[in-house]
Protein backbone atom coordinates (compact mmCIF):
# COMPACT_ATOMS: atom_id res chain seq x y z
CA MET A 1 0.00 0.00 -0.01
CA ARG A 2 2.78 2.37 0.87
CA THR A 3 4.67 1.93 -2.37
CA ALA A 4 2.54 4.22 -4.42
CA ILE A 5 2.46 6.76 -1.61
CA ALA A 6 6.20 6.71 -1.50
CA LEU A 7 6.33 7.40 -5.23
CA LEU A 8 4.10 10.37 -4.80
CA VAL A 9 6.09 11.64 -1.83
CA GLY A 10 9.14 11.84 -4.08
CA MET A 11 7.37 14.04 -6.61
CA CYS A 12 7.75 17.77 -6.65
CA LEU A 13 4.74 19.48 -5.21
CA SER A 14 5.92 23.05 -5.76
CA ALA A 15 2.89 23.63 -8.00
CA CYS A 16 0.69 22.88 -4.99
CA SER A 17 0.53 25.18 -1.97
CA PRO A 18 -1.24 23.33 0.80
CA SER A 19 -2.07 25.27 3.88
CA PRO A 20 -2.25 23.60 7.37
CA SER A 21 -6.66 22.91 8.61
CA GLY A 22 -21.27 13.00 13.80
CA THR A 23 -19.87 13.23 17.29
CA ASP A 24 -20.96 11.79 20.63
CA ALA A 25 -20.58 12.57 24.28
CA SER A 26 -18.05 9.80 24.77
CA ALA A 27 -15.41 11.57 22.62
CA PRO A 28 -12.07 11.26 24.46
CA HIS A 29 -10.21 14.37 25.50
CA SER A 30 -6.54 14.90 26.31
CA ALA A 31 -5.66 14.82 30.02
CA SER A 32 -4.34 18.34 30.11
CA ALA A 33 -6.27 21.02 28.24
CA PRO A 34 -4.04 23.39 26.26
CA ARG A 35 -4.14 27.16 26.46
CA ARG A 36 -6.85 28.26 24.01
CA HIS A 37 -5.01 30.66 21.73
CA ASN A 38 -8.00 30.76 19.38
CA SER A 39 -11.17 29.00 20.27
CA ALA A 40 -13.25 30.93 17.73
CA HIS A 41 -12.15 29.52 14.35
CA THR A 42 -14.35 30.25 11.39
CA ALA A 43 -16.31 27.14 10.63
CA TRP A 44 -15.86 25.46 7.25
CA PRO A 45 -19.29 25.79 5.53
CA ASP A 46 -19.39 22.06 4.64
CA ASP A 47 -21.71 22.56 1.70
CA LEU A 48 -21.09 18.96 0.74
CA GLY A 49 -22.64 17.65 3.97
CA VAL A 50 -19.64 15.53 4.98
CA ALA A 51 -20.03 16.00 8.76
CA ALA A 52 -23.74 15.23 8.46
CA ARG A 53 -23.01 11.89 6.68
CA VAL A 54 -20.47 10.46 9.11
CA ALA A 55 -19.47 11.12 12.73
CA VAL A 56 -16.12 12.79 11.99
CA PRO A 57 -13.31 13.14 14.61
CA ARG A 58 -13.86 15.65 17.42
CA LEU A 59 -10.74 17.69 18.02
CA GLU A 60 -11.74 20.30 20.59
CA ALA A 61 -8.43 20.20 22.48
CA PHE A 62 -6.42 20.04 19.28
CA TRP A 63 -8.08 23.13 17.71
CA GLY A 64 -7.63 25.00 21.00
CA GLY A 65 -3.91 24.90 20.32
CA ARG A 66 -1.81 26.76 17.82
CA PHE A 67 -2.71 24.66 14.76
CA SER A 68 -4.63 26.65 12.09
CA PRO A 69 -7.45 25.02 10.05
CA ALA A 70 -6.90 24.64 6.31
CA LYS A 71 -8.79 26.56 3.68
CA PRO A 72 -9.67 24.87 0.37
CA GLY A 73 -8.23 26.50 -2.71
CA GLY A 74 -10.01 27.31 -5.93
CA GLU A 75 -9.20 23.99 -7.61
CA PRO A 76 -11.86 21.24 -8.17
CA MET A 77 -12.96 19.53 -5.02
CA LEU A 78 -14.21 15.95 -4.41
CA ALA A 79 -15.66 14.77 -1.06
CA VAL A 80 -14.81 11.20 -0.11
CA CYS A 81 -16.48 9.60 2.94
CA VAL A 82 -15.47 6.47 4.81
CA ASP A 83 -18.30 5.05 6.98
CA ALA A 84 -17.98 3.00 10.15
CA GLN A 85 -17.80 -0.19 8.09
CA GLY A 86 -15.03 1.15 5.88
CA LYS A 87 -17.33 1.66 2.83
CA TYR A 88 -16.66 4.54 0.51
CA ALA A 89 -18.89 7.22 -0.98
CA THR A 90 -18.10 10.35 -3.05
CA ARG A 91 -19.87 13.56 -3.84
CA ARG A 92 -19.28 16.67 -5.98
CA LYS A 93 -21.01 19.96 -5.56
CA GLY A 94 -24.45 19.87 -7.04
CA GLU A 95 -24.55 16.05 -7.06
CA GLU A 96 -25.81 13.35 -4.73
CA TRP A 97 -23.69 10.88 -2.74
CA ALA A 98 -22.61 7.88 -4.71
CA THR A 99 -21.38 4.68 -3.08
CA ARG A 100 -18.05 3.37 -4.39
CA THR A 101 -16.26 0.04 -4.30
CA ASP A 102 -12.42 0.20 -4.17
CA PRO A 103 -12.12 -0.07 -8.00
CA ASP A 104 -14.90 2.50 -8.40
CA LEU A 105 -13.19 4.97 -6.07
CA LEU A 106 -9.81 4.62 -7.80
CA HIS A 107 -11.50 5.16 -11.23
CA THR A 108 -13.38 8.20 -9.86
CA LEU A 109 -10.17 9.71 -8.43
CA ARG A 110 -8.29 9.17 -11.72
CA LEU A 111 -11.02 10.91 -13.73
CA PHE A 112 -11.18 13.66 -11.11
CA ALA A 113 -7.46 14.22 -11.21
CA GLU A 114 -7.51 14.99 -14.92
CA GLU A 115 -9.71 18.09 -14.30
CA SER A 116 -6.60 20.07 -13.19
CA PHE A 117 -3.48 18.13 -14.09
CA ASP A 118 0.01 19.68 -14.39
CA LEU A 119 1.82 17.74 -17.14
CA ASP A 120 5.20 19.15 -16.23
CA ALA A 121 4.93 18.30 -12.54
CA GLN A 122 2.96 15.13 -13.32
CA LEU A 123 0.63 16.07 -10.49
CA SER A 124 -3.04 17.07 -10.14
CA HIS A 125 -4.01 20.26 -8.50
CA CYS A 126 -7.41 18.82 -7.55
CA GLN A 127 -8.24 18.51 -3.81
CA VAL A 128 -9.94 15.81 -1.81
CA VAL A 129 -12.03 16.52 1.33
CA LEU A 130 -12.09 13.40 3.44
CA GLY A 131 -14.77 12.53 5.98
CA VAL A 132 -13.92 9.49 8.13
CA HIS A 133 -16.23 7.98 10.67
CA ARG A 134 -14.62 7.91 14.14
CA ASN A 135 -15.09 4.16 14.24
CA ALA A 136 -13.71 3.49 10.73
CA ALA A 137 -10.59 1.33 10.46
CA MET A 138 -7.44 3.23 9.59
CA SER A 139 -6.69 0.67 6.88
CA ALA A 140 -9.62 2.15 4.89
CA VAL A 141 -8.17 5.64 5.32
CA LEU A 142 -4.74 4.50 4.13
CA GLY A 143 -6.55 2.94 1.19
CA VAL A 144 -7.85 6.31 0.14
CA GLN A 145 -4.32 7.78 0.38
CA GLU A 146 -3.00 4.84 -1.74
CA MET A 147 -5.60 5.52 -4.42
CA MET A 148 -4.90 9.25 -4.36
CA ALA A 149 -1.18 8.49 -4.87
CA GLN A 150 -2.04 6.34 -7.89
CA ALA A 151 -4.25 9.15 -9.27
CA ARG A 152 -1.39 11.65 -8.49
CA ILE A 153 -3.54 13.83 -6.25
CA ALA A 154 -1.68 15.23 -3.23
CA ARG A 155 -4.00 17.70 -1.51
CA LEU A 156 -6.01 15.96 1.21
CA LEU A 157 -8.11 17.75 3.80
CA LEU A 158 -9.61 15.78 6.73
CA VAL A 159 -12.98 16.99 8.01
CA THR A 160 -13.09 17.35 11.81
CA VAL A 161 -15.20 19.25 14.32
CA GLU A 162 -14.00 21.49 17.11
CA ARG A 163 -17.52 21.44 18.44
CA PRO A 164 -20.52 19.75 16.84
CA SER A 165 -21.49 22.98 14.98
CA VAL A 166 -17.94 23.93 13.93
CA PRO A 167 -16.49 21.78 11.16
CA LEU A 168 -12.78 22.50 10.54
CA LEU A 169 -10.44 21.12 7.88
CA LEU A 170 -7.10 19.49 8.92
CA ASP A 171 -4.47 19.42 6.16
CA ILE A 172 -3.01 15.84 5.96
CA SER A 173 -1.75 16.18 2.37
CA LEU A 174 0.85 13.82 0.98
CA LEU A 175 4.11 15.72 1.18
CA SER A 176 6.83 16.28 -1.43
CA GLU A 177 9.54 15.56 1.12
CA ARG A 178 9.98 14.45 4.68
CA PRO A 179 11.36 17.35 6.83
CA LYS A 180 14.35 16.60 8.99
CA ASN A 181 12.46 17.70 12.08
CA THR A 182 9.89 14.89 11.93
CA LEU A 183 8.52 12.95 14.90
CA LEU A 184 6.79 9.57 14.60
CA LEU A 185 3.94 8.54 16.81
CA ALA A 186 3.28 4.77 16.56
CA ILE A 187 0.06 3.42 18.07
CA THR A 188 -0.49 -0.28 18.36
CA GLY A 189 -2.63 -2.73 20.34
CA SER A 190 -6.31 -2.48 21.17
CA GLY A 191 -8.69 -1.67 24.00
CA GLN A 192 -6.93 -1.56 27.35
CA SER A 193 -3.68 -2.80 25.73
CA ILE A 194 -2.96 0.17 23.52
CA LYS A 195 0.66 1.35 23.30
CA ALA A 196 1.70 4.71 21.89
CA ARG A 197 5.37 5.28 21.30
CA LEU A 198 6.46 8.93 20.73
CA GLY A 199 10.21 9.41 20.24
CA GLY A 200 11.87 7.20 22.76
CA GLU A 201 9.04 7.07 25.30
CA MET A 202 6.01 4.79 25.59
CA ALA A 203 2.51 5.45 26.81
CA GLU A 204 0.29 2.40 27.41
CA GLY A 205 -2.75 0.96 29.14
CA ALA A 206 -6.03 2.52 30.05
CA LYS A 207 -4.49 5.99 30.64
CA TRP A 208 -2.36 6.02 27.49
CA ALA A 209 -3.79 9.28 26.28
CA ALA A 210 -2.92 11.14 29.52
CA GLU A 211 0.58 9.59 29.48
CA LEU A 212 1.04 10.59 25.85
CA ALA A 213 0.04 14.18 26.64
CA ALA A 214 2.70 14.25 29.38
CA ILE A 215 5.35 12.86 27.04
CA ALA A 216 4.40 15.41 24.34
CA ALA A 217 4.91 18.19 26.90
CA ARG A 218 8.45 16.97 27.60
CA VAL A 219 9.60 16.99 23.93
CA PRO A 220 12.24 19.74 23.91
CA SER A 221 11.59 21.22 20.47
CA ALA A 222 8.51 21.36 18.27
CA PRO A 223 8.64 19.01 15.25
CA GLU A 224 7.62 20.40 11.93
CA LEU A 225 5.83 17.20 11.02
CA LEU A 226 4.12 14.62 13.22
CA GLU A 227 3.63 11.30 11.45
CA ILE A 228 0.96 9.08 12.96
CA SER A 229 1.05 5.34 12.37
CA ALA A 230 -2.08 3.55 13.61
CA SER A 231 -2.80 1.24 10.71
CA THR A 232 -4.31 -1.51 12.84
CA LEU A 233 -6.61 0.75 14.84
CA THR A 234 -9.48 3.16 14.12
CA MET A 235 -9.83 6.89 13.54
CA LEU A 236 -11.00 7.16 17.21
CA GLU A 237 -7.40 6.38 18.40
CA VAL A 238 -6.02 8.95 15.97
CA GLU A 239 -8.53 11.48 17.25
CA THR A 240 -7.40 10.76 20.82
CA ALA A 241 -3.73 11.03 19.90
CA LEU A 242 -4.20 14.38 18.09
CA ASN A 243 -5.93 15.82 21.15
CA ALA A 244 -3.15 14.53 23.44
CA CYS A 245 -0.30 15.80 21.21
CA VAL A 246 -1.28 19.46 21.30
CA PRO A 247 1.76 20.32 23.56
CA LEU A 248 4.13 19.25 20.72
CA GLY A 249 3.39 22.41 18.65
CA MET A 250 3.78 20.57 15.32
CA THR A 251 2.75 22.44 12.18
CA ARG A 252 2.08 19.47 9.89
CA ILE A 253 0.33 16.14 10.28
CA ARG A 254 0.53 13.05 8.13
CA LEU A 255 -1.05 9.60 8.45
CA VAL A 256 1.35 6.78 7.58
């Protein structure tokens, strides 16, 4: 799965200029709430109804930090949703939702990419807005990234909510290069046996999120990029990790 993504990562994305951007009461929160530098972000209009279709990640603590929501550019936009069972659906403005099998989604992305394709860079300027149910398996999300890589689309914006009425976009675009100042968060296990390794430290067990927040606060310098590996878990664990990692002060996020 990662082979095609690696190919895209090696491509020049200078033609793109990405900018960094369904709930329930049981949404986990980080153990230590960050200072709220800006708790009044302007909500993304969500004209495509992504957050109404699936229960997207709730990142109240995360958006209370220094990270700024992304803003879509003027290029063509396609909404892709992953439901709790890992099934795909797509929608364009003015159209209805259409369910997609894996081959259907890849075909749709390839056709979509052609609407704004840079022959010199061998890269599409089209953008994908991704809505992932909090209980969806991360393997389905990585599948979308794999298909985007094959279609040569790099701009990927994850739909989240700060509060139920405030959808915000998190830029998780595939990058042209891996910055030197990159930190990997690897999350494995399940249930009460989750382990989260950040740098050289490990958080585990029932209180792994609180331990992770404490580890993040001890990291001496803010990484430019935080890579999150949680391929055997669900978006809910990624949601929890993002809320816990606010103290890191990272400026980019990527799912690997």
